[in-house]
Amino acid sequence: MKRIFACMLSAALIFSLAGCFNRDDELTAEKPVIYLYPEQETEVAVRLDYDGRLTAAYPAYQDGWTVTAQPDGTLTDQKGMEYRYLYWEGTDETRYDFSRGFCVKGGDTAAFLEQALAEIGLNRAEANEFIIYWLPRMEANEWNLISFQQEAYRESAKLIVDPAPDSMLRVFMAWKPAEQNIPIEPQEFEPFDRDGFTVVEWGGCEVKG
């Protein structure tokens, strides 16, 4: 199954994705976003090398995005329009690995995501946007099997940023509903330091079947 990723950069790039099956062998990633957090006002070019089919982007993706990024993450395009982040959606056939992760009760999903996203390195505003997007799809399930897929994600959706960031965090969550608690080896997260020009991404994909 392939994944899609949406990026946004505000000197820090944060990515947000949501996904569902489109065809038997395809996944759709919804709302991938990119935040950019430079140390000073900077013109930034962002390009996505995506092993899939881009289906939507905002602002419009024309061989990439070029924006002026402020230290607070505000992005301004060449027409003077302001954005919180860069967004895209697409379909691909990336296969996700559920050998490690977490099985979480639906009613505990919000608390789990708050803790996990903080450990991974999202700030409160970024984590809030992530949770608001995903929680309505997850909290009513009996259980959710969750695995963060940074390696598979980076392979299928490469991100090229100019000037190159000093630090980059790309978060991609694959998940699927479960009817019972499924034993799984827990994942561990390495600390992330926001140093200099920072790019943060977050995204995700619901895997069905």
C-alpha atoms as a PDB file:
ATOM      1  CA  MET A   1       0.000   0.000   0.000  1.00  0.00           C
ATOM      2  CA  LYS A   2       1.285   3.382  -0.788  1.00  0.00           C
ATOM      3  CA  ARG A   3       1.064   6.421   1.251  1.00  0.00           C
ATOM      4  CA  ILE A   4       0.868  10.052   0.547  1.00  0.00           C
ATOM      5  CA  PHE A   5       2.215  12.881   2.463  1.00  0.00           C
ATOM      6  CA  ALA A   6       1.447  16.524   2.786  1.00  0.00           C
ATOM      7  CA  CYS A   7       4.076  18.945   3.934  1.00  0.00           C
ATOM      8  CA  MET A   8       4.191  22.299   5.445  1.00  0.00           C
ATOM      9  CA  LEU A   9       7.139  24.328   6.465  1.00  0.00           C
ATOM     10  CA  SER A  10       7.436  27.330   8.676  1.00  0.00           C
ATOM     11  CA  ALA A  11      11.109  27.011   9.309  1.00  0.00           C
ATOM     12  CA  ALA A  12       9.852  23.956  10.989  1.00  0.00           C
ATOM     13  CA  LEU A  13       8.052  21.495   8.796  1.00  0.00           C
ATOM     14  CA  ILE A  14       5.153  19.569  10.118  1.00  0.00           C
ATOM     15  CA  PHE A  15       3.292  17.018   8.198  1.00  0.00           C
ATOM     16  CA  SER A  16      -0.221  15.750   8.718  1.00  0.00           C
ATOM     17  CA  LEU A  17      -1.874  12.908   6.904  1.00  0.00           C
ATOM     18  CA  ALA A  18      -5.024  10.899   7.046  1.00  0.00           C
ATOM     19  CA  GLY A  19      -5.673   7.932   4.857  1.00  0.00           C
ATOM     20  CA  CYS A  20      -8.157   5.314   3.729  1.00  0.00           C
ATOM     21  CA  PHE A  21      -8.430   2.715   1.027  1.00  0.00           C
ATOM     22  CA  ASN A  22      -9.100   4.008  -2.452  1.00  0.00           C
ATOM     23  CA  ARG A  23      -8.559   0.810  -4.399  1.00  0.00           C
ATOM     24  CA  ASP A  24      -7.546  -2.687  -3.333  1.00  0.00           C
ATOM     25  CA  ASP A  25      -3.841  -1.826  -3.575  1.00  0.00           C
ATOM     26  CA  GLU A  26      -3.945   1.900  -2.853  1.00  0.00           C
ATOM     27  CA  LEU A  27      -4.147   4.071   0.245  1.00  0.00           C
ATOM     28  CA  THR A  28      -5.185   7.687   0.271  1.00  0.00           C
ATOM     29  CA  ALA A  29      -3.368  10.011   2.608  1.00  0.00           C
ATOM     30  CA  GLU A  30      -5.503  12.950   3.648  1.00  0.00           C
ATOM     31  CA  LYS A  31      -4.342  16.299   4.977  1.00  0.00           C
ATOM     32  CA  PRO A  32      -0.599  15.891   5.115  1.00  0.00           C
ATOM     33  CA  VAL A  33       0.802  19.240   6.289  1.00  0.00           C
ATOM     34  CA  ILE A  34       4.204  20.921   6.577  1.00  0.00           C
ATOM     35  CA  TYR A  35       5.261  23.606   9.057  1.00  0.00           C
ATOM     36  CA  LEU A  36       8.365  25.786   8.556  1.00  0.00           C
ATOM     37  CA  TYR A  37      10.115  27.563  11.432  1.00  0.00           C
ATOM     38  CA  PRO A  38      13.174  29.578  10.342  1.00  0.00           C
ATOM     39  CA  GLU A  39      15.204  31.637  12.784  1.00  0.00           C
ATOM     40  CA  GLN A  40      14.503  34.742  10.712  1.00  0.00           C
ATOM     41  CA  GLU A  41      12.289  35.641   7.755  1.00  0.00           C
ATOM     42  CA  THR A  42      13.391  33.330   4.954  1.00  0.00           C
ATOM     43  CA  GLU A  43      12.259  32.443   1.446  1.00  0.00           C
ATOM     44  CA  VAL A  44      11.880  28.660   1.402  1.00  0.00           C
ATOM     45  CA  ALA A  45      11.341  26.273  -1.509  1.00  0.00           C
ATOM     46  CA  VAL A  46       9.726  22.916  -0.708  1.00  0.00           C
ATOM     47  CA  ARG A  47       9.441  20.041  -3.147  1.00  0.00           C
ATOM     48  CA  LEU A  48       7.925  16.592  -2.703  1.00  0.00           C
ATOM     49  CA  ASP A  49       9.510  13.544  -4.342  1.00  0.00           C
ATOM     50  CA  TYR A  50       6.491  11.298  -3.984  1.00  0.00           C
ATOM     51  CA  ASP A  51       6.219   7.683  -5.077  1.00  0.00           C
ATOM     52  CA  GLY A  52       2.520   7.996  -5.784  1.00  0.00           C
ATOM     53  CA  ARG A  53      -0.133  10.213  -7.359  1.00  0.00           C
ATOM     54  CA  LEU A  54      -0.750  13.687  -5.978  1.00  0.00           C
ATOM     55  CA  THR A  55      -4.513  14.349  -5.795  1.00  0.00           C
ATOM     56  CA  ALA A  56      -4.763  17.708  -3.987  1.00  0.00           C
ATOM     57  CA  ALA A  57      -2.564  20.502  -2.642  1.00  0.00           C
ATOM     58  CA  TYR A  58      -3.042  23.897  -1.011  1.00  0.00           C
ATOM     59  CA  PRO A  59      -1.592  26.274  -1.839  1.00  0.00           C
ATOM     60  CA  ALA A  60      -1.338  24.979  -5.401  1.00  0.00           C
ATOM     61  CA  TYR A  61       1.659  22.735  -6.005  1.00  0.00           C
ATOM     62  CA  GLN A  62       3.534  23.779  -9.140  1.00  0.00           C
ATOM     63  CA  ASP A  63       6.691  21.674  -9.150  1.00  0.00           C
ATOM     64  CA  GLY A  64       6.858  22.597  -5.486  1.00  0.00           C
ATOM     65  CA  TRP A  65       6.007  25.490  -3.167  1.00  0.00           C
ATOM     66  CA  THR A  66       7.927  28.727  -2.664  1.00  0.00           C
ATOM     67  CA  VAL A  67       6.928  30.739   0.406  1.00  0.00           C
ATOM     68  CA  THR A  68       8.322  33.318   2.795  1.00  0.00           C
ATOM     69  CA  ALA A  69       8.451  31.739   6.259  1.00  0.00           C
ATOM     70  CA  GLN A  70       8.477  33.618   9.573  1.00  0.00           C
ATOM     71  CA  PRO A  71       9.959  32.322  12.848  1.00  0.00           C
ATOM     72  CA  ASP A  72       6.418  31.811  14.216  1.00  0.00           C
ATOM     73  CA  GLY A  73       5.577  29.497  11.293  1.00  0.00           C
ATOM     74  CA  THR A  74       3.473  31.939   9.271  1.00  0.00           C
ATOM     75  CA  LEU A  75       3.894  31.291   5.535  1.00  0.00           C
ATOM     76  CA  THR A  76       3.253  33.839   2.795  1.00  0.00           C
ATOM     77  CA  ASP A  77       3.126  33.003  -0.911  1.00  0.00           C
ATOM     78  CA  GLN A  78       4.174  35.232  -3.795  1.00  0.00           C
ATOM     79  CA  LYS A  79       0.642  36.675  -4.003  1.00  0.00           C
ATOM     80  CA  GLY A  80       0.727  37.782  -0.368  1.00  0.00           C
ATOM     81  CA  MET A  81      -1.631  35.054   0.881  1.00  0.00           C
ATOM     82  CA  GLU A  82      -0.862  33.712   4.361  1.00  0.00           C
ATOM     83  CA  TYR A  83      -0.961  30.051   5.415  1.00  0.00           C
ATOM     84  CA  ARG A  84      -0.519  28.058   8.601  1.00  0.00           C
ATOM     85  CA  TYR A  85       1.120  25.198   6.727  1.00  0.00           C
ATOM     86  CA  LEU A  86       1.525  23.513   3.343  1.00  0.00           C
ATOM     87  CA  TYR A  87      -0.969  20.779   2.546  1.00  0.00           C
ATOM     88  CA  TRP A  88      -1.254  17.916   0.077  1.00  0.00           C
ATOM     89  CA  GLU A  89      -2.967  14.586  -0.483  1.00  0.00           C
ATOM     90  CA  GLY A  90      -2.146  11.634  -2.690  1.00  0.00           C
ATOM     91  CA  THR A  91      -2.477   7.908  -3.234  1.00  0.00           C
ATOM     92  CA  ASP A  92       0.250   5.294  -3.158  1.00  0.00           C
ATOM     93  CA  GLU A  93       0.927   1.630  -2.399  1.00  0.00           C
ATOM     94  CA  THR A  94       3.275   1.855   0.571  1.00  0.00           C
ATOM     95  CA  ARG A  95       3.166  -1.171   2.875  1.00  0.00           C
ATOM     96  CA  TYR A  96       3.200  -0.397   6.583  1.00  0.00           C
ATOM     97  CA  ASP A  97       4.851  -2.486   9.283  1.00  0.00           C
ATOM     98  CA  PHE A  98       2.739  -3.288  12.342  1.00  0.00           C
ATOM     99  CA  SER A  99       5.331  -5.481  14.059  1.00  0.00           C
ATOM    100  CA  ARG A 100       5.843  -2.734  16.646  1.00  0.00           C
ATOM    101  CA  GLY A 101       3.461  -0.106  17.945  1.00  0.00           C
ATOM    102  CA  PHE A 102       0.582   0.186  20.406  1.00  0.00           C
ATOM    103  CA  CYS A 103      -2.909  -1.188  20.871  1.00  0.00           C
ATOM    104  CA  VAL A 104      -4.994   1.507  22.541  1.00  0.00           C
ATOM    105  CA  LYS A 105      -8.596   1.520  23.778  1.00  0.00           C
ATOM    106  CA  GLY A 106     -10.705   3.877  21.703  1.00  0.00           C
ATOM    107  CA  GLY A 107     -11.659   5.931  24.739  1.00  0.00           C
ATOM    108  CA  ASP A 108      -7.979   6.299  25.706  1.00  0.00           C
ATOM    109  CA  THR A 109      -6.867   7.522  22.274  1.00  0.00           C
ATOM    110  CA  ALA A 110      -6.724  11.241  23.112  1.00  0.00           C
ATOM    111  CA  ALA A 111      -4.599  10.699  26.228  1.00  0.00           C
ATOM    112  CA  PHE A 112      -2.339   8.266  24.378  1.00  0.00           C
ATOM    113  CA  LEU A 113      -1.759  10.664  21.479  1.00  0.00           C
ATOM    114  CA  GLU A 114      -1.068  13.577  23.819  1.00  0.00           C
ATOM    115  CA  GLN A 115       1.708  11.605  25.519  1.00  0.00           C
ATOM    116  CA  ALA A 116       3.112   9.901  22.401  1.00  0.00           C
ATOM    117  CA  LEU A 117       3.233  13.046  20.260  1.00  0.00           C
ATOM    118  CA  ALA A 118       4.960  14.963  23.054  1.00  0.00           C
ATOM    119  CA  GLU A 119       7.577  12.195  23.314  1.00  0.00           C
ATOM    120  CA  ILE A 120       8.069  12.183  19.542  1.00  0.00           C
ATOM    121  CA  GLY A 121       8.641  15.936  19.522  1.00  0.00           C
ATOM    122  CA  LEU A 122       5.520  17.766  18.333  1.00  0.00           C
ATOM    123  CA  ASN A 123       4.809  20.978  20.199  1.00  0.00           C
ATOM    124  CA  ARG A 124       1.405  21.564  21.792  1.00  0.00           C
ATOM    125  CA  ALA A 125      -0.084  23.453  18.825  1.00  0.00           C
ATOM    126  CA  GLU A 126       1.061  20.812  16.327  1.00  0.00           C
ATOM    127  CA  ALA A 127      -0.153  17.945  18.505  1.00  0.00           C
ATOM    128  CA  ASN A 128      -3.486  19.707  18.986  1.00  0.00           C
ATOM    129  CA  GLU A 129      -4.025  19.918  15.211  1.00  0.00           C
ATOM    130  CA  PHE A 130      -3.012  16.270  14.811  1.00  0.00           C
ATOM    131  CA  ILE A 131      -5.413  15.068  17.507  1.00  0.00           C
ATOM    132  CA  ILE A 132      -8.333  17.205  16.330  1.00  0.00           C
ATOM    133  CA  TYR A 133      -8.010  15.684  12.877  1.00  0.00           C
ATOM    134  CA  TRP A 134      -7.646  12.012  13.891  1.00  0.00           C
ATOM    135  CA  LEU A 135      -9.576  11.645  17.158  1.00  0.00           C
ATOM    136  CA  PRO A 136     -13.106  11.656  15.665  1.00  0.00           C
ATOM    137  CA  ARG A 137     -12.158   8.629  13.540  1.00  0.00           C
ATOM    138  CA  MET A 138     -10.564   6.686  16.372  1.00  0.00           C
ATOM    139  CA  GLU A 139     -12.172   7.268  19.767  1.00  0.00           C
ATOM    140  CA  ALA A 140     -15.400   5.332  19.044  1.00  0.00           C
ATOM    141  CA  ASN A 141     -13.522   2.135  18.092  1.00  0.00           C
ATOM    142  CA  GLU A 142     -13.129  -0.664  20.635  1.00  0.00           C
ATOM    143  CA  TRP A 143      -9.358  -0.583  20.119  1.00  0.00           C
ATOM    144  CA  ASN A 144      -6.907   1.069  17.725  1.00  0.00           C
ATOM    145  CA  LEU A 145      -3.719  -0.568  16.514  1.00  0.00           C
ATOM    146  CA  ILE A 146      -1.215   2.275  16.023  1.00  0.00           C
ATOM    147  CA  SER A 147       2.300   2.260  14.585  1.00  0.00           C
ATOM    148  CA  PHE A 148       4.409   5.284  13.689  1.00  0.00           C
ATOM    149  CA  GLN A 149       5.969   4.696  10.275  1.00  0.00           C
ATOM    150  CA  GLN A 150       8.796   7.174   9.848  1.00  0.00           C
ATOM    151  CA  GLU A 151      11.041   4.936   7.700  1.00  0.00           C
ATOM    152  CA  ALA A 152       8.367   3.793   5.229  1.00  0.00           C
ATOM    153  CA  TYR A 153       7.077   7.330   5.036  1.00  0.00           C
ATOM    154  CA  ARG A 154      10.451   8.878   4.300  1.00  0.00           C
ATOM    155  CA  GLU A 155      11.054   6.380   1.526  1.00  0.00           C
ATOM    156  CA  SER A 156       7.749   6.954  -0.265  1.00  0.00           C
ATOM    157  CA  ALA A 157       7.503  10.727   0.257  1.00  0.00           C
ATOM    158  CA  LYS A 158      10.890  12.406   0.195  1.00  0.00           C
ATOM    159  CA  LEU A 159      10.950  16.065   1.124  1.00  0.00           C
ATOM    160  CA  ILE A 160      13.430  18.501  -0.410  1.00  0.00           C
ATOM    161  CA  VAL A 161      13.753  21.855   1.362  1.00  0.00           C
ATOM    162  CA  ASP A 162      15.913  24.806   0.253  1.00  0.00           C
ATOM    163  CA  PRO A 163      17.613  26.187   2.263  1.00  0.00           C
ATOM    164  CA  ALA A 164      18.235  22.916   4.058  1.00  0.00           C
ATOM    165  CA  PRO A 165      16.812  22.857   7.599  1.00  0.00           C
ATOM    166  CA  ASP A 166      19.027  22.380  10.638  1.00  0.00           C
ATOM    167  CA  SER A 167      16.524  19.962  12.156  1.00  0.00           C
ATOM    168  CA  MET A 168      13.590  18.055  10.682  1.00  0.00           C
ATOM    169  CA  LEU A 169      10.876  15.936  12.303  1.00  0.00           C
ATOM    170  CA  ARG A 170       8.568  13.851  10.108  1.00  0.00           C
ATOM    171  CA  VAL A 171       5.760  12.035  11.921  1.00  0.00           C
ATOM    172  CA  PHE A 172       3.530   9.531  10.136  1.00  0.00           C
ATOM    173  CA  MET A 173       0.953   7.390  11.944  1.00  0.00           C
ATOM    174  CA  ALA A 174      -0.511   4.241  10.388  1.00  0.00           C
ATOM    175  CA  TRP A 175      -3.468   2.810  12.294  1.00  0.00           C
ATOM    176  CA  LYS A 176      -6.416   0.468  12.010  1.00  0.00           C
ATOM    177  CA  PRO A 177      -9.442  -0.344  14.176  1.00  0.00           C
ATOM    178  CA  ALA A 178      -9.339  -3.556  16.206  1.00  0.00           C
ATOM    179  CA  GLU A 179     -12.072  -5.483  17.994  1.00  0.00           C
ATOM    180  CA  GLN A 180      -9.803  -6.664  20.810  1.00  0.00           C
ATOM    181  CA  ASN A 181      -6.494  -5.935  22.459  1.00  0.00           C
ATOM    182  CA  ILE A 182      -3.679  -7.154  20.180  1.00  0.00           C
ATOM    183  CA  PRO A 183      -0.285  -7.913  21.789  1.00  0.00           C
ATOM    184  CA  ILE A 184       2.427  -5.852  20.085  1.00  0.00           C
ATOM    185  CA  GLU A 185       5.993  -4.851  20.902  1.00  0.00           C
ATOM    186  CA  PRO A 186       5.926  -1.175  21.938  1.00  0.00           C
ATOM    187  CA  GLN A 187       7.817   1.448  19.964  1.00  0.00           C
ATOM    188  CA  GLU A 188      10.381   3.746  21.541  1.00  0.00           C
ATOM    189  CA  PHE A 189      11.076   7.301  20.394  1.00  0.00           C
ATOM    190  CA  GLU A 190      14.339   9.186  20.206  1.00  0.00           C
ATOM    191  CA  PRO A 191      14.340  12.729  21.609  1.00  0.00           C
ATOM    192  CA  PHE A 192      14.037  15.482  18.996  1.00  0.00           C
ATOM    193  CA  ASP A 193      15.856  18.792  19.430  1.00  0.00           C
ATOM    194  CA  ARG A 194      14.572  21.855  17.592  1.00  0.00           C
ATOM    195  CA  ASP A 195      17.798  23.486  16.555  1.00  0.00           C
ATOM    196  CA  GLY A 196      17.974  26.386  14.108  1.00  0.00           C
ATOM    197  CA  PHE A 197      15.716  26.277  11.068  1.00  0.00           C
ATOM    198  CA  THR A 198      13.257  23.528  11.951  1.00  0.00           C
ATOM    199  CA  VAL A 199      10.917  21.577   9.718  1.00  0.00           C
ATOM    200  CA  VAL A 200       8.128  19.507  11.280  1.00  0.00           C
ATOM    201  CA  GLU A 201       5.699  17.224   9.446  1.00  0.00           C
ATOM    202  CA  TRP A 202       2.860  15.094  10.682  1.00  0.00           C
ATOM    203  CA  GLY A 203       0.541  12.775   8.838  1.00  0.00           C
ATOM    204  CA  GLY A 204      -1.223   9.467   8.997  1.00  0.00           C
ATOM    205  CA  CYS A 205      -3.140   6.765   7.202  1.00  0.00           C
ATOM    206  CA  GLU A 206      -5.993   4.514   8.211  1.00  0.00           C
ATOM    207  CA  VAL A 207      -5.172   1.010   7.002  1.00  0.00           C
ATOM    208  CA  LYS A 208      -8.213  -1.113   6.290  1.00  0.00           C
ATOM    209  CA  GLY A 209      -8.134  -4.856   5.912  1.00  0.00           C
END
